[in-house]
Amino acid sequence: MLLFKEYVYKLSASLNLIGLSLTLVMVATVVVDIFGRALFNIPLQGSYELVECIMGLVIVFAIGYTQVRNSHINVPGVIELLPQSGQRTANAVVNLIGFVTYSLFAWQAFIKAGTEIKAQTVSAVLAIPKYPFLYACAFGFGVLALVYLAQAFAPDEVEESDETEIGV
């Protein structure tokens, strides 16, 4: 199980790097659009649409690594009042619920992508097909589900985190 967890963590880190790269593409698109509009009165056609598509990928590619880093918003609650063994059990149950939930998200995104292929749905300005983005979202959600599964059966060591830490 530890080998599986290591593989899933590396996969989520790789997706996160792709998301970071896409963020740079998104920023470059906005900068070119702004300068083209301001300096030459020629906006970049479809820039809003392109940024919109990329933003979805950035989010879904980063979410798995965010779970690996335990960086999601965490509200202290009843679980912390339990003894250590109870906390481990509760965390395993929560992780299994996350696995099931994001597996369903991945499955539905995959089905929706197939529907978009059949309907030949494209974006309004650039005529970009929507299905590749939906398949990418399905993959990202699938990786997040695997992270939850790995954490359910091989929990991370509990360490005090510095809430001011910002990093990748």
N, C-alpha and C. Protein backbone atom coordinates (compact mmCIF):
# COMPACT_ATOMS: atom_id res chain seq x y z
N MET A 1 0.81 -1.19 0.00
CA MET A 1 0.00 0.00 0.00
C MET A 1 0.86 1.26 0.00
N LEU A 2 2.02 1.19 0.64
CA LEU A 2 2.89 2.36 0.67
C LEU A 2 3.44 2.70 -0.71
N LEU A 3 3.70 1.67 -1.52
CA LEU A 3 4.16 1.90 -2.88
C LEU A 3 3.06 2.58 -3.70
N PHE A 4 1.84 2.11 -3.52
CA PHE A 4 0.68 2.72 -4.19
C PHE A 4 0.56 4.19 -3.79
N LYS A 5 0.68 4.45 -2.50
CA LYS A 5 0.57 5.81 -1.99
C LYS A 5 1.67 6.70 -2.57
N GLU A 6 2.89 6.19 -2.63
CA GLU A 6 4.00 6.95 -3.19
C GLU A 6 3.74 7.29 -4.65
N TYR A 7 3.24 6.31 -5.41
CA TYR A 7 2.94 6.53 -6.82
C TYR A 7 1.84 7.59 -6.99
N VAL A 8 0.80 7.48 -6.21
CA VAL A 8 -0.32 8.43 -6.30
C VAL A 8 0.14 9.83 -5.91
N TYR A 9 0.97 9.94 -4.88
CA TYR A 9 1.49 11.25 -4.47
C TYR A 9 2.35 11.86 -5.57
N LYS A 10 3.17 11.06 -6.21
CA LYS A 10 4.00 11.57 -7.31
C LYS A 10 3.14 12.00 -8.50
N LEU A 11 2.10 11.22 -8.77
CA LEU A 11 1.19 11.57 -9.86
C LEU A 11 0.48 12.89 -9.56
N SER A 12 0.03 13.07 -8.33
CA SER A 12 -0.65 14.31 -7.98
C SER A 12 0.32 15.50 -8.02
N ALA A 13 1.58 15.29 -7.65
CA ALA A 13 2.58 16.35 -7.74
C ALA A 13 2.85 16.72 -9.20
N SER A 14 2.88 15.71 -10.07
CA SER A 14 3.08 15.97 -11.50
C SER A 14 1.91 16.76 -12.08
N LEU A 15 0.70 16.39 -11.70
CA LEU A 15 -0.47 17.14 -12.17
C LEU A 15 -0.43 18.58 -11.66
N ASN A 16 0.03 18.74 -10.44
CA ASN A 16 0.15 20.08 -9.88
C ASN A 16 1.13 20.92 -10.71
N LEU A 17 2.24 20.33 -11.13
CA LEU A 17 3.20 21.06 -11.97
C LEU A 17 2.59 21.44 -13.31
N ILE A 18 1.78 20.55 -13.86
CA ILE A 18 1.09 20.88 -15.10
C ILE A 18 0.14 22.05 -14.86
N GLY A 19 -0.57 22.00 -13.73
CA GLY A 19 -1.46 23.11 -13.38
C GLY A 19 -0.72 24.42 -13.22
N LEU A 20 0.46 24.36 -12.61
CA LEU A 20 1.28 25.58 -12.48
C LEU A 20 1.69 26.11 -13.85
N SER A 21 2.07 25.20 -14.74
CA SER A 21 2.45 25.60 -16.09
C SER A 21 1.27 26.24 -16.82
N LEU A 22 0.10 25.66 -16.63
CA LEU A 22 -1.09 26.22 -17.26
C LEU A 22 -1.42 27.60 -16.69
N THR A 23 -1.09 27.80 -15.43
CA THR A 23 -1.29 29.12 -14.84
C THR A 23 -0.44 30.16 -15.57
N LEU A 24 0.78 29.78 -15.91
CA LEU A 24 1.64 30.70 -16.67
C LEU A 24 1.06 30.99 -18.05
N VAL A 25 0.51 29.97 -18.69
CA VAL A 25 -0.14 30.16 -19.99
C VAL A 25 -1.32 31.11 -19.85
N MET A 26 -2.07 30.93 -18.79
CA MET A 26 -3.23 31.78 -18.53
C MET A 26 -2.80 33.23 -18.31
N VAL A 27 -1.77 33.43 -17.51
CA VAL A 27 -1.26 34.78 -17.26
C VAL A 27 -0.75 35.41 -18.55
N ALA A 28 -0.01 34.64 -19.34
CA ALA A 28 0.51 35.16 -20.60
C ALA A 28 -0.63 35.57 -21.53
N THR A 29 -1.68 34.77 -21.55
CA THR A 29 -2.85 35.10 -22.39
C THR A 29 -3.47 36.42 -21.97
N VAL A 30 -3.64 36.61 -20.67
CA VAL A 30 -4.22 37.85 -20.17
C VAL A 30 -3.31 39.04 -20.46
N VAL A 31 -2.01 38.86 -20.26
CA VAL A 31 -1.06 39.96 -20.51
C VAL A 31 -1.07 40.35 -21.99
N VAL A 32 -1.03 39.37 -22.88
CA VAL A 32 -1.06 39.66 -24.32
C VAL A 32 -2.36 40.37 -24.68
N ASP A 33 -3.46 39.94 -24.10
CA ASP A 33 -4.75 40.57 -24.37
C ASP A 33 -4.75 42.03 -23.90
N ILE A 34 -4.26 42.27 -22.70
CA ILE A 34 -4.25 43.63 -22.14
C ILE A 34 -3.34 44.54 -22.96
N PHE A 35 -2.12 44.08 -23.26
CA PHE A 35 -1.20 44.92 -24.03
C PHE A 35 -1.70 45.12 -25.46
N GLY A 36 -2.25 44.08 -26.05
CA GLY A 36 -2.80 44.23 -27.41
C GLY A 36 -3.93 45.23 -27.45
N ARG A 37 -4.76 45.19 -26.43
CA ARG A 37 -5.90 46.11 -26.36
C ARG A 37 -5.43 47.54 -26.07
N ALA A 38 -4.49 47.68 -25.13
CA ALA A 38 -4.04 49.02 -24.70
C ALA A 38 -3.12 49.69 -25.71
N LEU A 39 -2.19 48.93 -26.28
CA LEU A 39 -1.20 49.53 -27.16
C LEU A 39 -1.63 49.61 -28.62
N PHE A 40 -2.32 48.60 -29.10
CA PHE A 40 -2.64 48.52 -30.52
C PHE A 40 -4.14 48.51 -30.82
N ASN A 41 -4.94 48.57 -29.76
CA ASN A 41 -6.39 48.50 -29.88
C ASN A 41 -6.83 47.22 -30.61
N ILE A 42 -6.05 46.15 -30.38
CA ILE A 42 -6.36 44.84 -30.97
C ILE A 42 -6.40 43.81 -29.84
N PRO A 43 -7.58 43.52 -29.33
CA PRO A 43 -7.65 42.52 -28.26
C PRO A 43 -7.40 41.11 -28.80
N LEU A 44 -6.97 40.24 -27.93
CA LEU A 44 -6.77 38.84 -28.29
C LEU A 44 -8.12 38.15 -28.30
N GLN A 45 -8.58 37.78 -29.48
CA GLN A 45 -9.90 37.17 -29.61
C GLN A 45 -9.97 35.84 -28.87
N GLY A 46 -11.00 35.69 -28.06
CA GLY A 46 -11.21 34.43 -27.35
C GLY A 46 -10.39 34.26 -26.09
N SER A 47 -9.73 35.34 -25.66
CA SER A 47 -8.86 35.20 -24.48
C SER A 47 -9.67 34.84 -23.24
N TYR A 48 -10.82 35.44 -23.08
CA TYR A 48 -11.68 35.13 -21.92
C TYR A 48 -12.06 33.66 -21.93
N GLU A 49 -12.42 33.17 -23.09
CA GLU A 49 -12.82 31.78 -23.26
C GLU A 49 -11.66 30.82 -22.96
N LEU A 50 -10.48 31.16 -23.45
CA LEU A 50 -9.30 30.33 -23.23
C LEU A 50 -8.93 30.30 -21.74
N VAL A 51 -8.95 31.45 -21.10
CA VAL A 51 -8.65 31.52 -19.67
C VAL A 51 -9.67 30.71 -18.87
N GLU A 52 -10.91 30.78 -19.28
CA GLU A 52 -11.97 30.03 -18.61
C GLU A 52 -11.72 28.53 -18.68
N CYS A 53 -11.33 28.05 -19.83
CA CYS A 53 -11.04 26.62 -20.00
C CYS A 53 -9.82 26.20 -19.18
N ILE A 54 -8.79 27.01 -19.22
CA ILE A 54 -7.55 26.68 -18.50
C ILE A 54 -7.77 26.72 -17.00
N MET A 55 -8.59 27.66 -16.52
CA MET A 55 -8.82 27.80 -15.08
C MET A 55 -9.39 26.50 -14.49
N GLY A 56 -10.30 25.88 -15.19
CA GLY A 56 -10.85 24.61 -14.71
C GLY A 56 -9.77 23.55 -14.57
N LEU A 57 -8.86 23.51 -15.52
CA LEU A 57 -7.77 22.54 -15.45
C LEU A 57 -6.81 22.85 -14.31
N VAL A 58 -6.51 24.11 -14.11
CA VAL A 58 -5.61 24.50 -13.02
C VAL A 58 -6.18 24.01 -11.69
N ILE A 59 -7.45 24.24 -11.48
CA ILE A 59 -8.09 23.85 -10.21
C ILE A 59 -8.08 22.34 -10.04
N VAL A 60 -8.53 21.63 -11.04
CA VAL A 60 -8.67 20.17 -10.90
C VAL A 60 -7.32 19.47 -10.86
N PHE A 61 -6.30 20.05 -11.47
CA PHE A 61 -4.97 19.45 -11.40
C PHE A 61 -4.27 19.74 -10.08
N ALA A 62 -4.65 20.81 -9.40
CA ALA A 62 -4.00 21.17 -8.14
C ALA A 62 -4.68 20.55 -6.93
N ILE A 63 -5.92 20.16 -7.05
CA ILE A 63 -6.69 19.75 -5.88
C ILE A 63 -6.16 18.46 -5.24
N GLY A 64 -5.66 17.54 -6.03
CA GLY A 64 -5.10 16.31 -5.46
C GLY A 64 -3.85 16.58 -4.64
N TYR A 65 -2.98 17.45 -5.16
CA TYR A 65 -1.76 17.78 -4.43
C TYR A 65 -2.07 18.58 -3.17
N THR A 66 -3.13 19.37 -3.24
CA THR A 66 -3.56 20.11 -2.06
C THR A 66 -3.96 19.14 -0.95
N GLN A 67 -4.60 18.05 -1.31
CA GLN A 67 -4.96 17.03 -0.32
C GLN A 67 -3.70 16.32 0.19
N VAL A 68 -2.77 16.05 -0.68
CA VAL A 68 -1.51 15.42 -0.26
C VAL A 68 -0.82 16.29 0.79
N ARG A 69 -0.80 17.60 0.56
CA ARG A 69 -0.14 18.54 1.48
C ARG A 69 -0.99 18.87 2.70
N ASN A 70 -2.20 18.32 2.74
CA ASN A 70 -3.13 18.60 3.85
C ASN A 70 -3.36 20.10 3.97
N SER A 71 -3.60 20.74 2.83
CA SER A 71 -3.74 22.19 2.79
C SER A 71 -5.17 22.66 2.58
N HIS A 72 -6.12 21.73 2.58
CA HIS A 72 -7.51 22.15 2.50
C HIS A 72 -7.92 22.81 3.81
N ILE A 73 -8.96 23.59 3.76
CA ILE A 73 -9.47 24.22 4.97
C ILE A 73 -9.89 23.13 5.94
N ASN A 74 -9.44 23.26 7.17
CA ASN A 74 -9.71 22.25 8.18
C ASN A 74 -10.30 22.94 9.41
N VAL A 75 -11.48 22.52 9.82
CA VAL A 75 -12.13 23.10 10.98
C VAL A 75 -12.01 22.12 12.14
N PRO A 76 -11.36 22.55 13.20
CA PRO A 76 -11.27 21.67 14.36
C PRO A 76 -12.67 21.35 14.88
N GLY A 77 -12.85 20.13 15.31
CA GLY A 77 -14.18 19.76 15.75
C GLY A 77 -14.18 18.57 16.66
N VAL A 78 -15.22 17.81 16.54
CA VAL A 78 -15.48 16.67 17.42
C VAL A 78 -14.39 15.61 17.30
N ILE A 79 -13.86 15.42 16.10
CA ILE A 79 -12.87 14.36 15.90
C ILE A 79 -11.66 14.57 16.80
N GLU A 80 -11.27 15.82 17.02
CA GLU A 80 -10.10 16.09 17.86
C GLU A 80 -10.35 15.78 19.33
N LEU A 81 -11.61 15.62 19.72
CA LEU A 81 -11.93 15.27 21.10
C LEU A 81 -11.82 13.76 21.35
N LEU A 82 -11.75 12.99 20.26
CA LEU A 82 -11.66 11.54 20.38
C LEU A 82 -10.24 11.12 20.77
N PRO A 83 -10.11 9.92 21.33
CA PRO A 83 -8.76 9.40 21.57
C PRO A 83 -8.06 9.17 20.23
N GLN A 84 -6.74 8.99 20.27
CA GLN A 84 -5.94 8.86 19.05
C GLN A 84 -6.47 7.76 18.12
N SER A 85 -6.83 6.62 18.68
CA SER A 85 -7.35 5.52 17.83
C SER A 85 -8.68 5.90 17.19
N GLY A 86 -9.51 6.62 17.91
CA GLY A 86 -10.77 7.10 17.35
C GLY A 86 -10.56 8.12 16.25
N GLN A 87 -9.55 8.97 16.44
CA GLN A 87 -9.23 9.95 15.40
C GLN A 87 -8.78 9.26 14.12
N ARG A 88 -7.94 8.23 14.27
CA ARG A 88 -7.46 7.48 13.09
C ARG A 88 -8.64 6.83 12.36
N THR A 89 -9.54 6.23 13.12
CA THR A 89 -10.71 5.59 12.51
C THR A 89 -11.59 6.61 11.82
N ALA A 90 -11.86 7.74 12.49
CA ALA A 90 -12.70 8.78 11.90
C ALA A 90 -12.05 9.35 10.63
N ASN A 91 -10.75 9.57 10.69
CA ASN A 91 -10.06 10.08 9.49
C ASN A 91 -10.11 9.07 8.35
N ALA A 92 -9.99 7.79 8.65
CA ALA A 92 -10.09 6.76 7.61
C ALA A 92 -11.49 6.78 6.98
N VAL A 93 -12.52 6.93 7.81
CA VAL A 93 -13.89 6.99 7.28
C VAL A 93 -14.08 8.23 6.41
N VAL A 94 -13.58 9.37 6.88
CA VAL A 94 -13.67 10.61 6.10
C VAL A 94 -12.94 10.45 4.77
N ASN A 95 -11.77 9.84 4.79
CA ASN A 95 -11.02 9.63 3.54
C ASN A 95 -11.74 8.67 2.61
N LEU A 96 -12.40 7.66 3.14
CA LEU A 96 -13.18 6.75 2.28
C LEU A 96 -14.38 7.48 1.67
N ILE A 97 -14.99 8.36 2.44
CA ILE A 97 -16.09 9.17 1.90
C ILE A 97 -15.56 10.07 0.78
N GLY A 98 -14.39 10.66 0.99
CA GLY A 98 -13.77 11.48 -0.07
C GLY A 98 -13.48 10.65 -1.30
N PHE A 99 -12.98 9.43 -1.10
CA PHE A 99 -12.71 8.53 -2.23
C PHE A 99 -13.98 8.27 -3.04
N VAL A 100 -15.05 7.92 -2.35
CA VAL A 100 -16.31 7.62 -3.04
C VAL A 100 -16.84 8.87 -3.75
N THR A 101 -16.82 9.99 -3.06
CA THR A 101 -17.35 11.23 -3.63
C THR A 101 -16.60 11.63 -4.90
N TYR A 102 -15.28 11.65 -4.83
CA TYR A 102 -14.52 12.10 -6.00
C TYR A 102 -14.43 11.03 -7.09
N SER A 103 -14.63 9.79 -6.74
CA SER A 103 -14.78 8.75 -7.77
C SER A 103 -16.05 9.00 -8.56
N LEU A 104 -17.11 9.38 -7.86
CA LEU A 104 -18.37 9.71 -8.55
C LEU A 104 -18.20 10.96 -9.42
N PHE A 105 -17.48 11.95 -8.92
CA PHE A 105 -17.20 13.15 -9.73
C PHE A 105 -16.46 12.76 -11.01
N ALA A 106 -15.45 11.92 -10.87
CA ALA A 106 -14.66 11.50 -12.02
C ALA A 106 -15.53 10.74 -13.01
N TRP A 107 -16.32 9.85 -12.50
CA TRP A 107 -17.21 9.04 -13.35
C TRP A 107 -18.18 9.93 -14.11
N GLN A 108 -18.80 10.89 -13.42
CA GLN A 108 -19.77 11.76 -14.08
C GLN A 108 -19.11 12.70 -15.08
N ALA A 109 -17.90 13.17 -14.78
CA ALA A 109 -17.18 14.01 -15.74
C ALA A 109 -16.83 13.20 -16.99
N PHE A 110 -16.47 11.94 -16.79
CA PHE A 110 -16.17 11.06 -17.92
C PHE A 110 -17.41 10.86 -18.78
N ILE A 111 -18.54 10.61 -18.15
CA ILE A 111 -19.80 10.43 -18.89
C ILE A 111 -20.17 11.72 -19.63
N LYS A 112 -20.02 12.85 -18.95
CA LYS A 112 -20.35 14.14 -19.58
C LYS A 112 -19.44 14.40 -20.78
N ALA A 113 -18.18 14.01 -20.70
CA ALA A 113 -17.28 14.18 -21.84
C ALA A 113 -17.76 13.37 -23.04
N GLY A 114 -18.21 12.15 -22.78
CA GLY A 114 -18.75 11.34 -23.87
C GLY A 114 -19.99 11.97 -24.49
N THR A 115 -20.82 12.56 -23.67
CA THR A 115 -22.01 13.25 -24.17
C THR A 115 -21.61 14.45 -25.03
N GLU A 116 -20.57 15.16 -24.59
CA GLU A 116 -20.11 16.34 -25.34
C GLU A 116 -19.51 15.94 -26.68
N ILE A 117 -18.89 14.76 -26.74
CA ILE A 117 -18.36 14.28 -28.02
C ILE A 117 -19.51 14.02 -28.99
N LYS A 118 -20.52 13.32 -28.50
CA LYS A 118 -21.68 13.01 -29.36
C LYS A 118 -22.39 14.26 -29.82
N ALA A 119 -22.50 15.26 -28.93
CA ALA A 119 -23.18 16.50 -29.27
C ALA A 119 -22.29 17.45 -30.06
N GLN A 120 -21.00 17.14 -30.15
CA GLN A 120 -20.01 17.98 -30.83
C GLN A 120 -20.04 19.42 -30.31
N THR A 121 -20.10 19.55 -29.00
CA THR A 121 -20.15 20.86 -28.36
C THR A 121 -18.79 21.53 -28.40
N VAL A 122 -18.79 22.79 -28.83
CA VAL A 122 -17.57 23.58 -28.89
C VAL A 122 -17.81 24.93 -28.23
N SER A 123 -16.73 25.63 -27.91
CA SER A 123 -16.86 26.95 -27.32
C SER A 123 -17.35 27.94 -28.37
N ALA A 124 -17.89 29.06 -27.91
CA ALA A 124 -18.56 30.00 -28.80
C ALA A 124 -17.63 30.75 -29.75
N VAL A 125 -16.50 31.22 -29.27
CA VAL A 125 -15.64 32.08 -30.09
C VAL A 125 -14.56 31.28 -30.82
N LEU A 126 -13.82 30.46 -30.09
CA LEU A 126 -12.69 29.75 -30.66
C LEU A 126 -13.04 28.37 -31.19
N ALA A 127 -14.26 27.93 -30.95
CA ALA A 127 -14.73 26.60 -31.38
C ALA A 127 -13.83 25.48 -30.83
N ILE A 128 -13.44 25.63 -29.56
CA ILE A 128 -12.63 24.60 -28.90
C ILE A 128 -13.58 23.50 -28.41
N PRO A 129 -13.32 22.25 -28.76
CA PRO A 129 -14.17 21.17 -28.24
C PRO A 129 -14.09 21.10 -26.72
N LYS A 130 -15.22 20.84 -26.08
CA LYS A 130 -15.26 20.83 -24.62
C LYS A 130 -14.83 19.50 -24.01
N TYR A 131 -14.95 18.42 -24.78
CA TYR A 131 -14.71 17.11 -24.18
C TYR A 131 -13.29 16.88 -23.66
N PRO A 132 -12.23 17.42 -24.30
CA PRO A 132 -10.90 17.16 -23.73
C PRO A 132 -10.76 17.74 -22.32
N PHE A 133 -11.38 18.88 -22.08
CA PHE A 133 -11.31 19.49 -20.76
C PHE A 133 -12.07 18.65 -19.73
N LEU A 134 -13.18 18.08 -20.16
CA LEU A 134 -13.95 17.22 -19.26
C LEU A 134 -13.20 15.93 -18.96
N TYR A 135 -12.54 15.37 -19.95
CA TYR A 135 -11.72 14.17 -19.67
C TYR A 135 -10.57 14.50 -18.72
N ALA A 136 -9.96 15.68 -18.91
CA ALA A 136 -8.90 16.09 -18.00
C ALA A 136 -9.43 16.28 -16.58
N CYS A 137 -10.62 16.83 -16.47
CA CYS A 137 -11.24 16.98 -15.14
C CYS A 137 -11.53 15.62 -14.53
N ALA A 138 -12.02 14.70 -15.33
CA ALA A 138 -12.28 13.35 -14.82
C ALA A 138 -10.99 12.73 -14.31
N PHE A 139 -9.91 12.91 -15.04
CA PHE A 139 -8.62 12.38 -14.61
C PHE A 139 -8.17 13.02 -13.30
N GLY A 140 -8.28 14.36 -13.21
CA GLY A 140 -7.89 15.06 -12.00
C GLY A 140 -8.70 14.62 -10.79
N PHE A 141 -10.01 14.47 -10.98
CA PHE A 141 -10.85 13.99 -9.88
C PHE A 141 -10.50 12.55 -9.53
N GLY A 142 -10.16 11.75 -10.53
CA GLY A 142 -9.76 10.37 -10.27
C GLY A 142 -8.49 10.30 -9.44
N VAL A 143 -7.54 11.17 -9.74
CA VAL A 143 -6.30 11.20 -8.96
C VAL A 143 -6.60 11.63 -7.53
N LEU A 144 -7.46 12.63 -7.36
CA LEU A 144 -7.85 13.04 -6.01
C LEU A 144 -8.50 11.89 -5.26
N ALA A 145 -9.36 11.14 -5.93
CA ALA A 145 -9.99 9.98 -5.29
C ALA A 145 -8.94 8.97 -4.85
N LEU A 146 -7.94 8.75 -5.68
CA LEU A 146 -6.86 7.81 -5.31
C LEU A 146 -6.04 8.32 -4.13
N VAL A 147 -5.86 9.64 -4.04
CA VAL A 147 -5.16 10.21 -2.89
C VAL A 147 -5.95 9.92 -1.62
N TYR A 148 -7.25 10.13 -1.67
CA TYR A 148 -8.10 9.82 -0.52
C TYR A 148 -8.02 8.33 -0.16
N LEU A 149 -8.03 7.48 -1.17
CA LEU A 149 -7.96 6.04 -0.92
C LEU A 149 -6.63 5.68 -0.26
N ALA A 150 -5.55 6.23 -0.77
CA ALA A 150 -4.23 5.95 -0.19
C ALA A 150 -4.17 6.44 1.25
N GLN A 151 -4.73 7.60 1.51
CA GLN A 151 -4.69 8.14 2.87
C GLN A 151 -5.62 7.38 3.82
N ALA A 152 -6.63 6.74 3.29
CA ALA A 152 -7.53 5.96 4.14
C ALA A 152 -6.83 4.72 4.68
N PHE A 153 -6.03 4.08 3.83
CA PHE A 153 -5.39 2.83 4.23
C PHE A 153 -3.94 2.97 4.70
N ALA A 154 -3.32 4.09 4.36
CA ALA A 154 -1.96 4.37 4.82
C ALA A 154 -1.90 5.84 5.21
N PRO A 155 -2.44 6.16 6.39
CA PRO A 155 -2.52 7.57 6.79
C PRO A 155 -1.15 8.21 6.92
N ASP A 156 -1.13 9.51 6.63
CA ASP A 156 0.11 10.27 6.78
C ASP A 156 0.41 10.44 8.26
N GLU A 157 1.69 10.62 8.55
CA GLU A 157 2.07 10.92 9.92
C GLU A 157 1.53 12.30 10.27
N VAL A 158 0.98 12.43 11.45
CA VAL A 158 0.43 13.71 11.88
C VAL A 158 1.58 14.60 12.29
N GLU A 159 1.61 15.79 11.69
CA GLU A 159 2.63 16.75 12.05
C GLU A 159 1.97 18.10 12.18
N GLU A 160 2.46 18.87 13.10
CA GLU A 160 1.93 20.22 13.28
C GLU A 160 2.34 21.06 12.08
N SER A 161 1.36 21.69 11.46
CA SER A 161 1.68 22.50 10.29
C SER A 161 1.70 23.97 10.67
N ASP A 162 2.57 24.70 10.01
CA ASP A 162 2.65 26.13 10.19
C ASP A 162 1.61 26.76 9.27
N GLU A 163 0.59 27.39 9.83
CA GLU A 163 -0.50 27.90 9.02
C GLU A 163 -0.09 29.06 8.13
N THR A 164 1.06 29.65 8.40
CA THR A 164 1.52 30.75 7.56
C THR A 164 2.35 30.26 6.38
N GLU A 165 2.61 28.95 6.34
CA GLU A 165 3.45 28.40 5.26
C GLU A 165 2.73 28.49 3.93
N ILE A 166 3.41 29.03 2.96
CA ILE A 166 2.88 29.08 1.61
C ILE A 166 3.88 28.39 0.73
N GLY A 167 3.40 27.46 -0.07
CA GLY A 167 4.34 26.76 -0.94
C GLY A 167 3.62 25.80 -1.86
N VAL A 168 4.40 25.14 -2.65
CA VAL A 168 3.86 24.22 -3.63
C VAL A 168 4.17 22.81 -3.19
